Amino acid sequence: MRDPLSALLFSVVLDSVITTLEVRGNISTRLKQICAYADDIVKTGRTKQILIDTFCKLKHRALNAGLKINNNKTKYLHCSSKILQLTYLNI
């Protein structure tokens, strides 16, 4: 049986990791934004390079806090307004 305190501890650690990324504001005022709910994280950005940089920072800080990103459950989606297409990104 799992300890009910583990979910709370996970949330506190994940919140501290995301807070250190300094992505406050919304997509119209910032180049990047992160939303998190439970163990799901959504990152948005205006350019592919900003998303890559933000992901690398998130991964590095999560590892320092003892959290590991599961690559098998990670999905990348690219949406472009120039050409209506949806593609998965492999970073």
PDB file of N, CA and C in Angstrom:
ATOM      1  N   MET A   1       0.840  -1.167   0.000  1.00  0.00           N
ATOM      2  CA  MET A   1       0.000   0.000   0.000  1.00  0.00           C
ATOM      3  C   MET A   1       0.895   1.245   0.000  1.00  0.00           C
ATOM      4  N   ARG A   2       0.484   2.253  -0.732  1.00  0.00           N
ATOM      5  CA  ARG A   2       1.259   3.482  -0.812  1.00  0.00           C
ATOM      6  C   ARG A   2       0.917   4.419   0.339  1.00  0.00           C
ATOM      7  N   ASP A   3       1.881   5.239   0.668  1.00  0.00           N
ATOM      8  CA  ASP A   3       1.693   6.230   1.716  1.00  0.00           C
ATOM      9  C   ASP A   3       0.947   7.425   1.130  1.00  0.00           C
ATOM     10  N   PRO A   4      -0.161   7.875   1.748  1.00  0.00           N
ATOM     11  CA  PRO A   4      -0.917   9.013   1.213  1.00  0.00           C
ATOM     12  C   PRO A   4      -0.122  10.318   1.240  1.00  0.00           C
ATOM     13  N   LEU A   5       0.916  10.370   2.047  1.00  0.00           N
ATOM     14  CA  LEU A   5       1.735  11.577   2.113  1.00  0.00           C
ATOM     15  C   LEU A   5       2.612  11.736   0.873  1.00  0.00           C
ATOM     16  N   SER A   6       2.869  10.643   0.136  1.00  0.00           N
ATOM     17  CA  SER A   6       3.770  10.713  -1.014  1.00  0.00           C
ATOM     18  C   SER A   6       3.230  11.627  -2.115  1.00  0.00           C
ATOM     19  N   ALA A   7       1.916  11.628  -2.344  1.00  0.00           N
ATOM     20  CA  ALA A   7       1.331  12.507  -3.365  1.00  0.00           C
ATOM     21  C   ALA A   7       1.515  13.975  -2.997  1.00  0.00           C
ATOM     22  N   LEU A   8       1.353  14.279  -1.719  1.00  0.00           N
ATOM     23  CA  LEU A   8       1.538  15.651  -1.257  1.00  0.00           C
ATOM     24  C   LEU A   8       2.994  16.080  -1.399  1.00  0.00           C
ATOM     25  N   LEU A   9       3.910  15.221  -1.003  1.00  0.00           N
ATOM     26  CA  LEU A   9       5.334  15.538  -1.130  1.00  0.00           C
ATOM     27  C   LEU A   9       5.739  15.723  -2.595  1.00  0.00           C
ATOM     28  N   PHE A  10       5.221  14.858  -3.466  1.00  0.00           N
ATOM     29  CA  PHE A  10       5.496  14.987  -4.897  1.00  0.00           C
ATOM     30  C   PHE A  10       5.020  16.337  -5.416  1.00  0.00           C
ATOM     31  N   SER A  11       3.806  16.731  -5.050  1.00  0.00           N
ATOM     32  CA  SER A  11       3.245  18.012  -5.504  1.00  0.00           C
ATOM     33  C   SER A  11       4.063  19.196  -5.011  1.00  0.00           C
ATOM     34  N   VAL A  12       4.516  19.140  -3.779  1.00  0.00           N
ATOM     35  CA  VAL A  12       5.320  20.233  -3.216  1.00  0.00           C
ATOM     36  C   VAL A  12       6.653  20.347  -3.948  1.00  0.00           C
ATOM     37  N   VAL A  13       7.305  19.227  -4.214  1.00  0.00           N
ATOM     38  CA  VAL A  13       8.593  19.245  -4.908  1.00  0.00           C
ATOM     39  C   VAL A  13       8.411  19.712  -6.343  1.00  0.00           C
ATOM     40  N   LEU A  14       7.393  19.192  -7.043  1.00  0.00           N
ATOM     41  CA  LEU A  14       7.152  19.602  -8.428  1.00  0.00           C
ATOM     42  C   LEU A  14       6.824  21.094  -8.507  1.00  0.00           C
ATOM     43  N   ASP A  15       6.041  21.596  -7.563  1.00  0.00           N
ATOM     44  CA  ASP A  15       5.722  23.026  -7.541  1.00  0.00           C
ATOM     45  C   ASP A  15       6.977  23.869  -7.363  1.00  0.00           C
ATOM     46  N   SER A  16       7.880  23.437  -6.509  1.00  0.00           N
ATOM     47  CA  SER A  16       9.114  24.204  -6.305  1.00  0.00           C
ATOM     48  C   SER A  16       9.994  24.172  -7.558  1.00  0.00           C
ATOM     49  N   VAL A  17      10.008  23.054  -8.275  1.00  0.00           N
ATOM     50  CA  VAL A  17      10.782  22.960  -9.523  1.00  0.00           C
ATOM     51  C   VAL A  17      10.200  23.906 -10.569  1.00  0.00           C
ATOM     52  N   ILE A  18       8.892  23.887 -10.742  1.00  0.00           N
ATOM     53  CA  ILE A  18       8.251  24.731 -11.763  1.00  0.00           C
ATOM     54  C   ILE A  18       8.372  26.205 -11.400  1.00  0.00           C
ATOM     55  N   THR A  19       8.279  26.530 -10.126  1.00  0.00           N
ATOM     56  CA  THR A  19       8.383  27.925  -9.690  1.00  0.00           C
ATOM     57  C   THR A  19       9.748  28.509 -10.014  1.00  0.00           C
ATOM     58  N   THR A  20      10.799  27.704  -9.946  1.00  0.00           N
ATOM     59  CA  THR A  20      12.144  28.223 -10.229  1.00  0.00           C
ATOM     60  C   THR A  20      12.370  28.511 -11.710  1.00  0.00           C
ATOM     61  N   LEU A  21      11.475  28.030 -12.584  1.00  0.00           N
ATOM     62  CA  LEU A  21      11.641  28.274 -14.017  1.00  0.00           C
ATOM     63  C   LEU A  21      11.238  29.684 -14.427  1.00  0.00           C
ATOM     64  N   GLU A  22      10.529  30.392 -13.581  1.00  0.00           N
ATOM     65  CA  GLU A  22      10.106  31.768 -13.830  1.00  0.00           C
ATOM     66  C   GLU A  22       9.419  31.925 -15.181  1.00  0.00           C
ATOM     67  N   VAL A  23       8.250  31.346 -15.297  1.00  0.00           N
ATOM     68  CA  VAL A  23       7.464  31.455 -16.521  1.00  0.00           C
ATOM     69  C   VAL A  23       6.089  32.071 -16.220  1.00  0.00           C
ATOM     70  N   ARG A  24       6.059  33.014 -15.302  1.00  0.00           N
ATOM     71  CA  ARG A  24       4.806  33.682 -14.973  1.00  0.00           C
ATOM     72  C   ARG A  24       4.322  34.513 -16.150  1.00  0.00           C
ATOM     73  N   GLY A  25       3.068  34.837 -16.128  1.00  0.00           N
ATOM     74  CA  GLY A  25       2.470  35.606 -17.209  1.00  0.00           C
ATOM     75  C   GLY A  25       1.675  34.684 -18.107  1.00  0.00           C
ATOM     76  N   ASN A  26       1.182  35.225 -19.205  1.00  0.00           N
ATOM     77  CA  ASN A  26       0.443  34.384 -20.138  1.00  0.00           C
ATOM     78  C   ASN A  26       1.158  34.364 -21.478  1.00  0.00           C
ATOM     79  N   ILE A  27       0.665  33.579 -22.401  1.00  0.00           N
ATOM     80  CA  ILE A  27       1.367  33.377 -23.664  1.00  0.00           C
ATOM     81  C   ILE A  27       1.466  34.660 -24.485  1.00  0.00           C
ATOM     82  N   SER A  28       0.582  35.631 -24.238  1.00  0.00           N
ATOM     83  CA  SER A  28       0.668  36.883 -24.986  1.00  0.00           C
ATOM     84  C   SER A  28       1.749  37.814 -24.431  1.00  0.00           C
ATOM     85  N   THR A  29       2.134  37.619 -23.166  1.00  0.00           N
ATOM     86  CA  THR A  29       3.159  38.491 -22.585  1.00  0.00           C
ATOM     87  C   THR A  29       4.488  37.773 -22.385  1.00  0.00           C
ATOM     88  N   ARG A  30       4.508  36.474 -22.503  1.00  0.00           N
ATOM     89  CA  ARG A  30       5.722  35.686 -22.320  1.00  0.00           C
ATOM     90  C   ARG A  30       5.960  34.814 -23.535  1.00  0.00           C
ATOM     91  N   LEU A  31       7.190  34.403 -23.702  1.00  0.00           N
ATOM     92  CA  LEU A  31       7.520  33.497 -24.787  1.00  0.00           C
ATOM     93  C   LEU A  31       7.216  32.050 -24.441  1.00  0.00           C
ATOM     94  N   LYS A  32       7.048  31.768 -23.145  1.00  0.00           N
ATOM     95  CA  LYS A  32       6.800  30.397 -22.710  1.00  0.00           C
ATOM     96  C   LYS A  32       5.858  30.393 -21.521  1.00  0.00           C
ATOM     97  N   GLN A  33       5.198  29.256 -21.307  1.00  0.00           N
ATOM     98  CA  GLN A  33       4.274  29.114 -20.195  1.00  0.00           C
ATOM     99  C   GLN A  33       4.199  27.643 -19.817  1.00  0.00           C
ATOM    100  N   ILE A  34       4.004  27.361 -18.545  1.00  0.00           N
ATOM    101  CA  ILE A  34       3.881  25.994 -18.062  1.00  0.00           C
ATOM    102  C   ILE A  34       2.619  25.893 -17.205  1.00  0.00           C
ATOM    103  N   CYS A  35       1.833  24.856 -17.466  1.00  0.00           N
ATOM    104  CA  CYS A  35       0.670  24.531 -16.643  1.00  0.00           C
ATOM    105  C   CYS A  35       0.878  23.122 -16.100  1.00  0.00           C
ATOM    106  N   ALA A  36       0.561  22.920 -14.842  1.00  0.00           N
ATOM    107  CA  ALA A  36       0.729  21.602 -14.240  1.00  0.00           C
ATOM    108  C   ALA A  36      -0.520  21.253 -13.437  1.00  0.00           C
ATOM    109  N   TYR A  37      -0.910  19.985 -13.544  1.00  0.00           N
ATOM    110  CA  TYR A  37      -2.008  19.451 -12.745  1.00  0.00           C
ATOM    111  C   TYR A  37      -1.622  18.031 -12.364  1.00  0.00           C
ATOM    112  N   ALA A  38      -1.546  17.777 -11.075  1.00  0.00           N
ATOM    113  CA  ALA A  38      -1.098  16.481 -10.550  1.00  0.00           C
ATOM    114  C   ALA A  38       0.283  16.163 -11.122  1.00  0.00           C
ATOM    115  N   ASP A  39       0.406  15.104 -11.910  1.00  0.00           N
ATOM    116  CA  ASP A  39       1.722  14.774 -12.467  1.00  0.00           C
ATOM    117  C   ASP A  39       1.797  15.068 -13.967  1.00  0.00           C
ATOM    118  N   ASP A  40       0.844  15.843 -14.493  1.00  0.00           N
ATOM    119  CA  ASP A  40       0.842  16.229 -15.900  1.00  0.00           C
ATOM    120  C   ASP A  40       1.326  17.664 -16.046  1.00  0.00           C
ATOM    121  N   ILE A  41       2.193  17.892 -17.021  1.00  0.00           N
ATOM    122  CA  ILE A  41       2.736  19.226 -17.275  1.00  0.00           C
ATOM    123  C   ILE A  41       2.542  19.554 -18.751  1.00  0.00           C
ATOM    124  N   VAL A  42       2.029  20.747 -19.023  1.00  0.00           N
ATOM    125  CA  VAL A  42       1.879  21.230 -20.392  1.00  0.00           C
ATOM    126  C   VAL A  42       2.750  22.462 -20.549  1.00  0.00           C
ATOM    127  N   LYS A  43       3.622  22.431 -21.556  1.00  0.00           N
ATOM    128  CA  LYS A  43       4.487  23.585 -21.843  1.00  0.00           C
ATOM    129  C   LYS A  43       4.065  24.171 -23.177  1.00  0.00           C
ATOM    130  N   THR A  44       3.938  25.480 -23.224  1.00  0.00           N
ATOM    131  CA  THR A  44       3.655  26.152 -24.482  1.00  0.00           C
ATOM    132  C   THR A  44       4.739  27.180 -24.721  1.00  0.00           C
ATOM    133  N   GLY A  45       4.988  27.448 -25.984  1.00  0.00           N
ATOM    134  CA  GLY A  45       5.996  28.439 -26.329  1.00  0.00           C
ATOM    135  C   GLY A  45       5.795  28.937 -27.740  1.00  0.00           C
ATOM    136  N   ARG A  46       6.377  30.066 -28.010  1.00  0.00           N
ATOM    137  CA  ARG A  46       6.220  30.665 -29.333  1.00  0.00           C
ATOM    138  C   ARG A  46       7.159  30.080 -30.376  1.00  0.00           C
ATOM    139  N   THR A  47       8.292  29.521 -29.942  1.00  0.00           N
ATOM    140  CA  THR A  47       9.227  28.931 -30.896  1.00  0.00           C
ATOM    141  C   THR A  47       9.662  27.551 -30.410  1.00  0.00           C
ATOM    142  N   LYS A  48      10.135  26.759 -31.340  1.00  0.00           N
ATOM    143  CA  LYS A  48      10.620  25.417 -31.008  1.00  0.00           C
ATOM    144  C   LYS A  48      11.826  25.497 -30.074  1.00  0.00           C
ATOM    145  N   GLN A  49      12.710  26.446 -30.310  1.00  0.00           N
ATOM    146  CA  GLN A  49      13.914  26.568 -29.486  1.00  0.00           C
ATOM    147  C   GLN A  49      13.578  26.932 -28.045  1.00  0.00           C
ATOM    148  N   ILE A  50      12.589  27.782 -27.836  1.00  0.00           N
ATOM    149  CA  ILE A  50      12.176  28.139 -26.476  1.00  0.00           C
ATOM    150  C   ILE A  50      11.629  26.914 -25.753  1.00  0.00           C
ATOM    151  N   LEU A  51      10.849  26.088 -26.455  1.00  0.00           N
ATOM    152  CA  LEU A  51      10.329  24.865 -25.841  1.00  0.00           C
ATOM    153  C   LEU A  51      11.445  23.900 -25.477  1.00  0.00           C
ATOM    154  N   ILE A  52      12.422  23.757 -26.354  1.00  0.00           N
ATOM    155  CA  ILE A  52      13.552  22.868 -26.079  1.00  0.00           C
ATOM    156  C   ILE A  52      14.335  23.360 -24.874  1.00  0.00           C
ATOM    157  N   ASP A  53      14.626  24.658 -24.834  1.00  0.00           N
ATOM    158  CA  ASP A  53      15.369  25.226 -23.703  1.00  0.00           C
ATOM    159  C   ASP A  53      14.608  25.058 -22.385  1.00  0.00           C
ATOM    160  N   THR A  54      13.307  25.327 -22.415  1.00  0.00           N
ATOM    161  CA  THR A  54      12.495  25.194 -21.214  1.00  0.00           C
ATOM    162  C   THR A  54      12.433  23.739 -20.754  1.00  0.00           C
ATOM    163  N   PHE A  55      12.305  22.821 -21.707  1.00  0.00           N
ATOM    164  CA  PHE A  55      12.280  21.397 -21.352  1.00  0.00           C
ATOM    165  C   PHE A  55      13.596  20.974 -20.722  1.00  0.00           C
ATOM    166  N   CYS A  56      14.704  21.413 -21.282  1.00  0.00           N
ATOM    167  CA  CYS A  56      16.016  21.047 -20.729  1.00  0.00           C
ATOM    168  C   CYS A  56      16.187  21.586 -19.314  1.00  0.00           C
ATOM    169  N   LYS A  57      15.759  22.822 -19.083  1.00  0.00           N
ATOM    170  CA  LYS A  57      15.836  23.396 -17.731  1.00  0.00           C
ATOM    171  C   LYS A  57      14.933  22.629 -16.768  1.00  0.00           C
ATOM    172  N   LEU A  58      13.717  22.306 -17.218  1.00  0.00           N
ATOM    173  CA  LEU A  58      12.790  21.562 -16.379  1.00  0.00           C
ATOM    174  C   LEU A  58      13.362  20.191 -16.038  1.00  0.00           C
ATOM    175  N   LYS A  59      13.907  19.499 -17.019  1.00  0.00           N
ATOM    176  CA  LYS A  59      14.481  18.177 -16.794  1.00  0.00           C
ATOM    177  C   LYS A  59      15.659  18.238 -15.828  1.00  0.00           C
ATOM    178  N   HIS A  60      16.545  19.228 -16.007  1.00  0.00           N
ATOM    179  CA  HIS A  60      17.721  19.370 -15.139  1.00  0.00           C
ATOM    180  C   HIS A  60      17.310  19.672 -13.699  1.00  0.00           C
ATOM    181  N   ARG A  61      16.393  20.608 -13.513  1.00  0.00           N
ATOM    182  CA  ARG A  61      15.972  20.973 -12.159  1.00  0.00           C
ATOM    183  C   ARG A  61      15.163  19.861 -11.505  1.00  0.00           C
ATOM    184  N   ALA A  62      14.394  19.121 -12.297  1.00  0.00           N
ATOM    185  CA  ALA A  62      13.650  17.992 -11.744  1.00  0.00           C
ATOM    186  C   ALA A  62      14.607  16.902 -11.270  1.00  0.00           C
ATOM    187  N   LEU A  63      15.645  16.627 -12.055  1.00  0.00           N
ATOM    188  CA  LEU A  63      16.635  15.626 -11.648  1.00  0.00           C
ATOM    189  C   LEU A  63      17.347  16.041 -10.365  1.00  0.00           C
ATOM    190  N   ASN A  64      17.662  17.331 -10.242  1.00  0.00           N
ATOM    191  CA  ASN A  64      18.298  17.827  -9.017  1.00  0.00           C
ATOM    192  C   ASN A  64      17.391  17.669  -7.797  1.00  0.00           C
ATOM    193  N   ALA A  65      16.064  17.704  -8.034  1.00  0.00           N
ATOM    194  CA  ALA A  65      15.109  17.551  -6.929  1.00  0.00           C
ATOM    195  C   ALA A  65      14.750  16.092  -6.683  1.00  0.00           C
ATOM    196  N   GLY A  66      15.290  15.183  -7.509  1.00  0.00           N
ATOM    197  CA  GLY A  66      15.006  13.766  -7.321  1.00  0.00           C
ATOM    198  C   GLY A  66      13.844  13.239  -8.143  1.00  0.00           C
ATOM    199  N   LEU A  67      13.359  14.038  -9.091  1.00  0.00           N
ATOM    200  CA  LEU A  67      12.267  13.610  -9.962  1.00  0.00           C
ATOM    201  C   LEU A  67      12.824  13.218 -11.322  1.00  0.00           C
ATOM    202  N   LYS A  68      12.179  12.245 -11.957  1.00  0.00           N
ATOM    203  CA  LYS A  68      12.648  11.781 -13.262  1.00  0.00           C
ATOM    204  C   LYS A  68      11.511  11.865 -14.269  1.00  0.00           C
ATOM    205  N   ILE A  69      11.780  12.390 -15.452  1.00  0.00           N
ATOM    206  CA  ILE A  69      10.784  12.486 -16.513  1.00  0.00           C
ATOM    207  C   ILE A  69      10.744  11.153 -17.250  1.00  0.00           C
ATOM    208  N   ASN A  70       9.562  10.608 -17.389  1.00  0.00           N
ATOM    209  CA  ASN A  70       9.384   9.334 -18.085  1.00  0.00           C
ATOM    210  C   ASN A  70       9.295   9.607 -19.590  1.00  0.00           C
ATOM    211  N   ASN A  71      10.329   9.245 -20.332  1.00  0.00           N
ATOM    212  CA  ASN A  71      10.357   9.497 -21.774  1.00  0.00           C
ATOM    213  C   ASN A  71       9.295   8.704 -22.523  1.00  0.00           C
ATOM    214  N   ASN A  72       8.878   7.564 -21.987  1.00  0.00           N
ATOM    215  CA  ASN A  72       7.854   6.764 -22.653  1.00  0.00           C
ATOM    216  C   ASN A  72       6.472   7.407 -22.585  1.00  0.00           C
ATOM    217  N   LYS A  73       6.256   8.276 -21.622  1.00  0.00           N
ATOM    218  CA  LYS A  73       4.967   8.944 -21.485  1.00  0.00           C
ATOM    219  C   LYS A  73       4.999  10.390 -21.969  1.00  0.00           C
ATOM    220  N   THR A  74       6.148  10.850 -22.450  1.00  0.00           N
ATOM    221  CA  THR A  74       6.298  12.234 -22.886  1.00  0.00           C
ATOM    222  C   THR A  74       5.875  12.367 -24.339  1.00  0.00           C
ATOM    223  N   LYS A  75       5.035  13.350 -24.625  1.00  0.00           N
ATOM    224  CA  LYS A  75       4.556  13.591 -25.983  1.00  0.00           C
ATOM    225  C   LYS A  75       4.877  15.028 -26.377  1.00  0.00           C
ATOM    226  N   TYR A  76       5.196  15.212 -27.647  1.00  0.00           N
ATOM    227  CA  TYR A  76       5.500  16.526 -28.191  1.00  0.00           C
ATOM    228  C   TYR A  76       4.532  16.807 -29.331  1.00  0.00           C
ATOM    229  N   LEU A  77       3.983  17.986 -29.360  1.00  0.00           N
ATOM    230  CA  LEU A  77       3.032  18.358 -30.388  1.00  0.00           C
ATOM    231  C   LEU A  77       3.414  19.715 -30.937  1.00  0.00           C
ATOM    232  N   HIS A  78       3.502  19.808 -32.235  1.00  0.00           N
ATOM    233  CA  HIS A  78       3.846  21.071 -32.881  1.00  0.00           C
ATOM    234  C   HIS A  78       2.633  21.566 -33.651  1.00  0.00           C
ATOM    235  N   CYS A  79       2.194  22.761 -33.341  1.00  0.00           N
ATOM    236  CA  CYS A  79       1.075  23.383 -34.046  1.00  0.00           C
ATOM    237  C   CYS A  79       1.586  24.651 -34.720  1.00  0.00           C
ATOM    238  N   SER A  80       1.285  24.790 -35.982  1.00  0.00           N
ATOM    239  CA  SER A  80       1.749  25.953 -36.726  1.00  0.00           C
ATOM    240  C   SER A  80       0.554  26.681 -37.314  1.00  0.00           C
ATOM    241  N   SER A  81       0.574  28.004 -37.239  1.00  0.00           N
ATOM    242  CA  SER A  81      -0.507  28.779 -37.835  1.00  0.00           C
ATOM    243  C   SER A  81      -0.267  29.015 -39.328  1.00  0.00           C
ATOM    244  N   LYS A  82       0.964  28.859 -39.784  1.00  0.00           N
ATOM    245  CA  LYS A  82       1.270  29.058 -41.201  1.00  0.00           C
ATOM    246  C   LYS A  82       0.693  27.931 -42.042  1.00  0.00           C
ATOM    247  N   ILE A  83       0.913  26.709 -41.606  1.00  0.00           N
ATOM    248  CA  ILE A  83       0.381  25.534 -42.279  1.00  0.00           C
ATOM    249  C   ILE A  83      -0.360  24.750 -41.220  1.00  0.00           C
ATOM    250  N   LEU A  84      -1.607  24.441 -41.482  1.00  0.00           N
ATOM    251  CA  LEU A  84      -2.395  23.728 -40.498  1.00  0.00           C
ATOM    252  C   LEU A  84      -1.926  22.272 -40.440  1.00  0.00           C
ATOM    253  N   GLN A  85      -1.037  22.008 -39.494  1.00  0.00           N
ATOM    254  CA  GLN A  85      -0.511  20.670 -39.354  1.00  0.00           C
ATOM    255  C   GLN A  85      -0.225  20.386 -37.892  1.00  0.00           C
ATOM    256  N   LEU A  86      -0.327  19.140 -37.529  1.00  0.00           N
ATOM    257  CA  LEU A  86       0.013  18.690 -36.188  1.00  0.00           C
ATOM    258  C   LEU A  86       1.054  17.596 -36.344  1.00  0.00           C
ATOM    259  N   THR A  87       2.215  17.791 -35.753  1.00  0.00           N
ATOM    260  CA  THR A  87       3.263  16.790 -35.847  1.00  0.00           C
ATOM    261  C   THR A  87       3.865  16.580 -34.483  1.00  0.00           C
ATOM    262  N   TYR A  88       4.336  15.371 -34.214  1.00  0.00           N
ATOM    263  CA  TYR A  88       5.035  15.083 -32.978  1.00  0.00           C
ATOM    264  C   TYR A  88       6.500  15.448 -33.149  1.00  0.00           C
ATOM    265  N   LEU A  89       7.061  16.103 -32.152  1.00  0.00           N
ATOM    266  CA  LEU A  89       8.466  16.469 -32.184  1.00  0.00           C
ATOM    267  C   LEU A  89       9.273  15.434 -31.423  1.00  0.00           C
ATOM    268  N   ASN A  90      10.377  15.045 -31.964  1.00  0.00           N
ATOM    269  CA  ASN A  90      11.310  14.150 -31.266  1.00  0.00           C
ATOM    270  C   ASN A  90      12.520  14.967 -30.877  1.00  0.00           C
ATOM    271  N   ILE A  91      12.635  15.239 -29.590  1.00  0.00           N
ATOM    272  CA  ILE A  91      13.754  16.063 -29.105  1.00  0.00           C
ATOM    273  C   ILE A  91      14.784  15.164 -28.504  1.00  0.00           C
TER     274      ILE A  91
END
